[in-house]
Amino acid sequence: MSTQEQRKRFKAYNQARNEYFAKYFRGYPEPMPTDLIDLECGAKTRAGTPCKQKAIYINGRCKWHGGLSTGAKTKEGKKRSAMNGLCPKKKTKS
């Protein structure tokens, strides 16, 4: 089975798990298939080799290549995040 097919099955498994979790708030719908357990990230590194990380997110990539939040996208969100830098630090009583 190709890696692309495994990634599609991995994403489908996680989507089914999330739907089940949202419905019942506990457990998993079924155990993860054994061929998906050690699925590697596979993203191309700067050296040109595939990443070998096995701790991957639901999107099928590791913490370095899968990415987390890229920041606020809306004007309201950007304004709110900019306000965090403008707040002076509160002095604590020692």
N, C-alpha and C. Protein backbone atom coordinates (compact mmCIF):
# COMPACT_ATOMS: atom_id res chain seq x y z
N MET A 1 0.85 -1.18 0.00
CA MET A 1 0.00 0.00 0.00
C MET A 1 0.89 1.24 0.00
N SER A 2 0.56 2.21 -0.81
CA SER A 2 1.39 3.41 -0.91
C SER A 2 1.17 4.32 0.30
N THR A 3 2.12 5.21 0.49
CA THR A 3 2.05 6.14 1.61
C THR A 3 0.87 7.09 1.46
N GLN A 4 0.57 7.50 0.21
CA GLN A 4 -0.57 8.38 -0.02
C GLN A 4 -1.87 7.72 0.44
N GLU A 5 -2.04 6.45 0.13
CA GLU A 5 -3.25 5.73 0.54
C GLU A 5 -3.29 5.61 2.06
N GLN A 6 -2.13 5.37 2.68
CA GLN A 6 -2.09 5.28 4.14
C GLN A 6 -2.47 6.61 4.76
N ARG A 7 -1.98 7.72 4.19
CA ARG A 7 -2.33 9.04 4.73
C ARG A 7 -3.83 9.30 4.63
N LYS A 8 -4.43 8.91 3.51
CA LYS A 8 -5.88 9.08 3.34
C LYS A 8 -6.63 8.26 4.38
N ARG A 9 -6.18 7.01 4.61
CA ARG A 9 -6.83 6.17 5.61
C ARG A 9 -6.61 6.73 7.02
N PHE A 10 -5.42 7.29 7.28
CA PHE A 10 -5.11 7.89 8.58
C PHE A 10 -6.04 9.07 8.85
N LYS A 11 -6.22 9.93 7.84
CA LYS A 11 -7.12 11.08 8.00
C LYS A 11 -8.57 10.64 8.18
N ALA A 12 -8.97 9.61 7.43
CA ALA A 12 -10.34 9.09 7.57
C ALA A 12 -10.55 8.49 8.95
N TYR A 13 -9.55 7.77 9.47
CA TYR A 13 -9.65 7.21 10.81
C TYR A 13 -9.81 8.32 11.85
N ASN A 14 -9.00 9.36 11.74
CA ASN A 14 -9.08 10.45 12.71
C ASN A 14 -10.38 11.22 12.60
N GLN A 15 -10.90 11.36 11.40
CA GLN A 15 -12.18 12.04 11.24
C GLN A 15 -13.30 11.22 11.89
N ALA A 16 -13.28 9.90 11.69
CA ALA A 16 -14.28 9.04 12.31
C ALA A 16 -14.14 9.07 13.83
N ARG A 17 -12.91 9.09 14.32
CA ARG A 17 -12.68 9.15 15.76
C ARG A 17 -13.23 10.45 16.34
N ASN A 18 -13.00 11.56 15.65
CA ASN A 18 -13.49 12.85 16.13
C ASN A 18 -15.01 12.90 16.13
N GLU A 19 -15.63 12.34 15.11
CA GLU A 19 -17.10 12.30 15.07
C GLU A 19 -17.65 11.45 16.21
N TYR A 20 -17.03 10.32 16.45
CA TYR A 20 -17.46 9.45 17.53
C TYR A 20 -17.28 10.15 18.88
N PHE A 21 -16.14 10.79 19.05
CA PHE A 21 -15.85 11.49 20.30
C PHE A 21 -16.85 12.62 20.54
N ALA A 22 -17.18 13.35 19.48
CA ALA A 22 -18.15 14.44 19.62
C ALA A 22 -19.53 13.91 19.98
N LYS A 23 -19.83 12.70 19.53
CA LYS A 23 -21.15 12.12 19.78
C LYS A 23 -21.26 11.53 21.19
N TYR A 24 -20.21 10.83 21.62
CA TYR A 24 -20.29 10.11 22.88
C TYR A 24 -19.35 10.61 23.97
N PHE A 25 -18.44 11.52 23.65
CA PHE A 25 -17.53 12.15 24.61
C PHE A 25 -16.57 11.19 25.29
N ARG A 26 -16.35 10.02 24.76
CA ARG A 26 -15.34 9.13 25.32
C ARG A 26 -15.01 8.02 24.34
N GLY A 27 -13.80 7.48 24.47
CA GLY A 27 -13.43 6.30 23.71
C GLY A 27 -13.12 6.56 22.25
N TYR A 28 -12.83 5.48 21.56
CA TYR A 28 -12.52 5.51 20.15
C TYR A 28 -13.51 4.60 19.42
N PRO A 29 -13.80 4.88 18.16
CA PRO A 29 -14.75 4.04 17.44
C PRO A 29 -14.21 2.64 17.21
N GLU A 30 -12.91 2.53 16.98
CA GLU A 30 -12.26 1.24 16.75
C GLU A 30 -10.77 1.45 16.92
N PRO A 31 -10.03 0.40 17.19
CA PRO A 31 -8.58 0.58 17.31
C PRO A 31 -7.96 0.98 15.98
N MET A 32 -6.85 1.72 16.06
CA MET A 32 -6.18 2.15 14.85
C MET A 32 -5.60 0.94 14.11
N PRO A 33 -5.75 0.88 12.79
CA PRO A 33 -5.16 -0.23 12.04
C PRO A 33 -3.65 -0.30 12.25
N THR A 34 -3.13 -1.50 12.30
CA THR A 34 -1.72 -1.69 12.64
C THR A 34 -0.77 -1.06 11.63
N ASP A 35 -1.14 -1.01 10.35
CA ASP A 35 -0.24 -0.42 9.37
C ASP A 35 -0.18 1.11 9.47
N LEU A 36 -1.09 1.71 10.22
CA LEU A 36 -1.07 3.17 10.38
C LEU A 36 -0.40 3.61 11.66
N ILE A 37 -0.07 2.69 12.56
CA ILE A 37 0.47 3.06 13.85
C ILE A 37 1.83 3.75 13.73
N ASP A 38 2.74 3.23 12.93
CA ASP A 38 4.07 3.81 12.81
C ASP A 38 4.22 4.63 11.53
N LEU A 39 3.18 5.30 11.11
CA LEU A 39 3.23 6.13 9.92
C LEU A 39 4.17 7.30 10.17
N GLU A 40 5.08 7.55 9.24
CA GLU A 40 6.05 8.62 9.39
C GLU A 40 5.53 9.89 8.75
N CYS A 41 6.10 11.03 9.17
CA CYS A 41 5.71 12.33 8.65
C CYS A 41 5.92 12.38 7.14
N GLY A 42 7.14 12.12 6.69
CA GLY A 42 7.41 12.03 5.26
C GLY A 42 7.62 13.35 4.55
N ALA A 43 7.51 14.49 5.26
CA ALA A 43 7.74 15.78 4.61
C ALA A 43 9.21 15.90 4.22
N LYS A 44 9.50 16.65 3.18
CA LYS A 44 10.87 16.81 2.73
C LYS A 44 11.60 17.77 3.67
N THR A 45 12.73 17.33 4.19
CA THR A 45 13.53 18.18 5.08
C THR A 45 14.45 19.07 4.26
N ARG A 46 15.19 19.96 4.94
CA ARG A 46 16.11 20.84 4.23
C ARG A 46 17.22 20.04 3.55
N ALA A 47 17.54 18.90 4.10
CA ALA A 47 18.56 18.05 3.50
C ALA A 47 18.03 17.31 2.28
N GLY A 48 16.73 17.35 2.06
CA GLY A 48 16.13 16.68 0.91
C GLY A 48 15.65 15.28 1.21
N THR A 49 15.84 14.81 2.43
CA THR A 49 15.39 13.47 2.80
C THR A 49 14.02 13.56 3.46
N PRO A 50 13.25 12.47 3.46
CA PRO A 50 11.95 12.53 4.12
C PRO A 50 12.09 12.53 5.64
N CYS A 51 11.22 13.26 6.31
CA CYS A 51 11.22 13.33 7.77
C CYS A 51 10.80 11.98 8.33
N LYS A 52 11.47 11.52 9.38
CA LYS A 52 11.21 10.20 9.95
C LYS A 52 10.41 10.26 11.26
N GLN A 53 9.90 11.43 11.62
CA GLN A 53 9.13 11.55 12.86
C GLN A 53 7.90 10.65 12.80
N LYS A 54 7.62 9.96 13.89
CA LYS A 54 6.45 9.08 13.94
C LYS A 54 5.34 9.64 14.82
N ALA A 55 5.66 10.70 15.57
CA ALA A 55 4.64 11.37 16.38
C ALA A 55 3.99 12.43 15.49
N ILE A 56 2.86 12.09 14.88
CA ILE A 56 2.25 13.00 13.92
C ILE A 56 0.87 13.44 14.38
N TYR A 57 0.46 14.59 13.87
CA TYR A 57 -0.86 15.14 14.15
C TYR A 57 -1.91 14.46 13.29
N ILE A 58 -3.13 14.87 13.48
CA ILE A 58 -4.25 14.32 12.73
C ILE A 58 -4.08 14.60 11.23
N ASN A 59 -3.43 15.71 10.87
CA ASN A 59 -3.25 16.03 9.46
C ASN A 59 -2.19 15.17 8.79
N GLY A 60 -1.49 14.32 9.56
CA GLY A 60 -0.52 13.40 8.97
C GLY A 60 0.90 13.93 8.95
N ARG A 61 1.16 15.07 9.59
CA ARG A 61 2.50 15.64 9.63
C ARG A 61 2.93 15.83 11.07
N CYS A 62 4.26 15.94 11.27
CA CYS A 62 4.80 16.09 12.62
C CYS A 62 4.70 17.54 13.09
N LYS A 63 5.18 17.82 14.30
CA LYS A 63 5.03 19.16 14.86
C LYS A 63 5.88 20.18 14.13
N TRP A 64 6.92 19.75 13.43
CA TRP A 64 7.75 20.70 12.69
C TRP A 64 7.21 20.94 11.29
N HIS A 65 6.58 19.95 10.70
CA HIS A 65 6.12 20.09 9.32
C HIS A 65 4.61 20.23 9.20
N GLY A 66 3.87 19.90 10.25
CA GLY A 66 2.41 19.98 10.18
C GLY A 66 1.90 21.36 10.49
N GLY A 67 2.65 22.04 11.33
CA GLY A 67 2.28 23.40 11.66
C GLY A 67 1.14 23.48 12.65
N LEU A 68 1.21 24.44 13.50
CA LEU A 68 0.12 24.74 14.41
C LEU A 68 -0.51 26.05 13.95
N SER A 69 -0.90 26.88 14.86
CA SER A 69 -1.55 28.12 14.51
C SER A 69 -0.59 29.05 13.79
N THR A 70 -1.07 29.69 12.75
CA THR A 70 -0.26 30.67 12.02
C THR A 70 -0.65 32.08 12.43
N GLY A 71 -1.44 32.20 13.47
CA GLY A 71 -1.83 33.51 13.96
C GLY A 71 -3.24 33.87 13.51
N ALA A 72 -3.65 35.03 13.95
CA ALA A 72 -5.00 35.51 13.64
C ALA A 72 -5.13 35.82 12.15
N LYS A 73 -6.31 35.57 11.61
CA LYS A 73 -6.57 35.82 10.20
C LYS A 73 -7.53 36.99 9.98
N THR A 74 -8.44 37.21 10.93
CA THR A 74 -9.43 38.27 10.76
C THR A 74 -8.91 39.57 11.37
N LYS A 75 -9.55 40.67 10.98
CA LYS A 75 -9.14 41.98 11.52
C LYS A 75 -9.35 42.04 13.02
N GLU A 76 -10.45 41.45 13.50
CA GLU A 76 -10.73 41.47 14.93
C GLU A 76 -9.69 40.67 15.70
N GLY A 77 -9.31 39.51 15.15
CA GLY A 77 -8.32 38.67 15.80
C GLY A 77 -6.95 39.32 15.83
N LYS A 78 -6.57 39.98 14.73
CA LYS A 78 -5.29 40.68 14.68
C LYS A 78 -5.26 41.84 15.67
N LYS A 79 -6.38 42.54 15.78
CA LYS A 79 -6.45 43.66 16.73
C LYS A 79 -6.33 43.15 18.16
N ARG A 80 -7.00 42.04 18.45
CA ARG A 80 -6.96 41.47 19.79
C ARG A 80 -5.55 41.00 20.15
N SER A 81 -4.86 40.37 19.19
CA SER A 81 -3.51 39.91 19.48
C SER A 81 -2.53 41.07 19.59
N ALA A 82 -2.77 42.15 18.85
CA ALA A 82 -1.91 43.33 18.96
C ALA A 82 -2.08 44.00 20.32
N MET A 83 -3.28 43.94 20.87
CA MET A 83 -3.54 44.55 22.18
C MET A 83 -2.77 43.84 23.29
N ASN A 84 -2.46 42.55 23.09
CA ASN A 84 -1.70 41.83 24.11
C ASN A 84 -0.33 42.42 24.30
N GLY A 85 0.28 42.94 23.25
CA GLY A 85 1.61 43.54 23.35
C GLY A 85 1.58 44.93 23.95
N LEU A 86 0.44 45.58 23.93
CA LEU A 86 0.34 46.95 24.43
C LEU A 86 0.04 47.01 25.92
N CYS A 87 -0.38 45.91 26.51
CA CYS A 87 -0.74 45.91 27.92
C CYS A 87 0.53 45.95 28.77
N PRO A 88 0.62 46.92 29.69
CA PRO A 88 1.79 46.95 30.56
C PRO A 88 1.73 45.78 31.55
N LYS A 89 2.89 45.32 31.97
CA LYS A 89 2.93 44.22 32.94
C LYS A 89 2.44 44.72 34.29
N LYS A 90 1.66 43.88 34.94
CA LYS A 90 1.14 44.25 36.26
C LYS A 90 2.22 44.04 37.30
N LYS A 91 2.36 45.00 38.16
CA LYS A 91 3.35 44.88 39.22
C LYS A 91 2.82 43.98 40.30
N THR A 92 3.65 43.09 40.77
CA THR A 92 3.26 42.21 41.85
C THR A 92 3.84 42.73 43.15
N LYS A 93 3.09 42.55 44.19
CA LYS A 93 3.57 42.98 45.50
C LYS A 93 4.51 41.92 46.04
N SER A 94 5.69 42.34 46.49
CA SER A 94 6.62 41.36 47.03
C SER A 94 6.74 41.48 48.52
